[in-house]
Each structure stands twice: as C-alpha cells, then as structure tokens.
C-alpha cells in the first residue's frame, strides 16, 4: 500500500519536552478530541476513532558491522473515515 506522508517532524528534544507532547496527545485521546500536529507553517489535524489500533515497536537499526540506533515507536492506525470502530487485540502493558 503506498504511503502518503501528511506531516513529519524530527528534532532533538529533552525527555521533559517529549513527555509534554505525549501528555497532550494522551489527553486529547482521552477526551475524544482531534489531534493537531504543527511545525512551522505545516500542520495536520486528525480525528482518531474511539478504538484505533495501537502499535508499539522497539527496534535496533543499522549496518551489521557499524553503529546501531535504538528506537521506540508509537503508532495509532485506523481506516480513513472510521468512527468508533474497534481495532486490534492483545493486551499491551508499558512499565
């Protein structure tokens, strides 16, 4: 399936700044509010349904013989136009 990037931002942030962004997303999800992403003149607003699919990945990337990069990725997915549909299965815990 082809991918169309609607918004992308990548910058070094402190743990406190990242936590603040994640808290805002969490609060909007909890309240059922839209999520607006902004950077400079770019912005996109999305409306996750009540039960999107939540994907969490921990990865190690890089060349076999070179330095590696570790990442934790959080992704919310849902079909465009889906409102209030259920998604995913399995119980996730984050400690």
Protein backbone atom coordinates (compact mmCIF):
# COMPACT_ATOMS: atom_id res chain seq x y z
CA UNK A 1 0.00 0.00 0.00
CA UNK A 2 1.57 3.35 -0.98
CA UNK A 3 2.26 5.77 1.83
CA UNK A 4 1.47 9.49 1.70
CA UNK A 5 3.23 11.45 4.43
CA UNK A 6 0.82 14.13 5.64
CA UNK A 7 3.16 15.56 8.29
CA UNK A 8 6.65 14.83 9.58
CA UNK A 9 8.77 16.45 12.25
CA UNK A 10 12.05 15.23 13.64
CA UNK A 11 14.16 17.12 16.18
CA UNK A 12 16.15 16.53 19.34
CA UNK A 13 14.04 17.26 22.41
CA UNK A 14 14.58 16.79 26.14
CA UNK A 15 12.77 13.91 27.85
CA UNK A 16 10.57 16.51 29.59
CA UNK A 17 9.59 18.15 26.27
CA UNK A 18 8.77 14.77 24.71
CA UNK A 19 6.72 13.78 27.76
CA UNK A 20 4.77 17.04 27.43
CA UNK A 21 3.93 16.30 23.76
CA UNK A 22 2.88 12.74 24.62
CA UNK A 23 0.74 14.00 27.53
CA UNK A 24 -1.10 16.37 25.18
CA UNK A 25 -1.78 13.51 22.75
CA UNK A 26 -2.92 11.30 25.64
CA UNK A 27 -5.26 13.99 26.98
CA UNK A 28 -6.78 14.57 23.53
CA UNK A 29 -7.30 10.81 23.07
CA UNK A 30 -8.91 10.54 26.49
CA UNK A 31 -11.29 13.42 25.73
CA UNK A 32 -12.05 12.21 22.20
CA UNK A 33 -10.62 15.46 20.79
CA UNK A 34 -8.86 15.98 17.48
CA UNK A 35 -5.07 15.84 17.44
CA UNK A 36 -3.34 18.70 15.62
CA UNK A 37 0.34 18.43 14.74
CA UNK A 38 2.17 21.68 13.91
CA UNK A 39 5.72 22.59 12.94
CA UNK A 40 6.43 25.97 11.36
CA UNK A 41 3.86 26.61 8.65
CA UNK A 42 2.92 22.91 8.36
CA UNK A 43 0.04 21.37 10.26
CA UNK A 44 -2.39 18.48 10.10
CA UNK A 45 -5.43 17.68 12.23
CA UNK A 46 -6.59 14.10 12.66
CA UNK A 47 -9.60 12.59 14.46
CA UNK A 48 -8.80 9.13 15.84
CA UNK A 49 -11.84 6.90 16.39
CA UNK A 50 -12.73 5.60 19.86
CA UNK A 51 -10.66 2.40 19.34
CA UNK A 52 -7.77 2.80 16.88
CA UNK A 53 -5.14 0.10 16.51
CA UNK A 54 -2.16 0.95 18.76
CA UNK A 55 1.21 -0.36 17.60
CA UNK A 56 4.34 -0.20 19.76
CA UNK A 57 7.75 -1.20 18.38
CA UNK A 58 11.24 -1.32 19.87
CA UNK A 59 13.89 -1.53 17.16
CA UNK A 60 17.65 -1.73 16.66
CA UNK A 61 18.66 -0.47 13.22
CA UNK A 62 21.94 -0.05 11.42
CA UNK A 63 24.56 -1.83 9.38
CA UNK A 64 25.72 -5.27 10.55
CA UNK A 65 29.25 -4.05 11.19
CA UNK A 66 28.52 -0.45 12.20
CA UNK A 67 26.95 1.59 14.98
CA UNK A 68 23.32 0.86 15.78
CA UNK A 69 20.40 3.17 16.51
CA UNK A 70 17.71 2.22 19.01
CA UNK A 71 14.14 3.47 18.77
CA UNK A 72 10.75 3.17 20.40
CA UNK A 73 7.88 3.88 18.02
CA UNK A 74 4.25 4.52 18.95
CA UNK A 75 1.70 4.43 16.15
CA UNK A 76 -2.08 4.84 16.03
CA UNK A 77 -3.77 3.38 12.94
CA UNK A 78 -7.33 3.41 11.67
CA UNK A 79 -9.12 3.26 8.33
CA UNK A 80 -9.80 6.71 6.89
CA UNK A 81 -13.37 7.66 7.74
CA UNK A 82 -13.65 5.13 10.60
CA UNK A 83 -15.56 6.46 13.57
CA UNK A 84 -15.85 4.46 16.78
CA UNK A 85 -14.74 1.12 15.30
CA UNK A 86 -12.87 -1.50 17.34
CA UNK A 87 -9.31 -2.33 16.42
CA UNK A 88 -6.53 -4.75 17.35
CA UNK A 89 -6.31 -7.39 20.02
CA UNK A 90 -3.88 -8.46 22.71
CA UNK A 91 -3.14 -6.69 25.93
CA UNK A 92 -0.28 -4.19 25.99
CA UNK A 93 1.50 -3.14 29.17
CA UNK A 94 4.05 -0.33 29.43
CA UNK A 95 6.01 -0.01 32.66
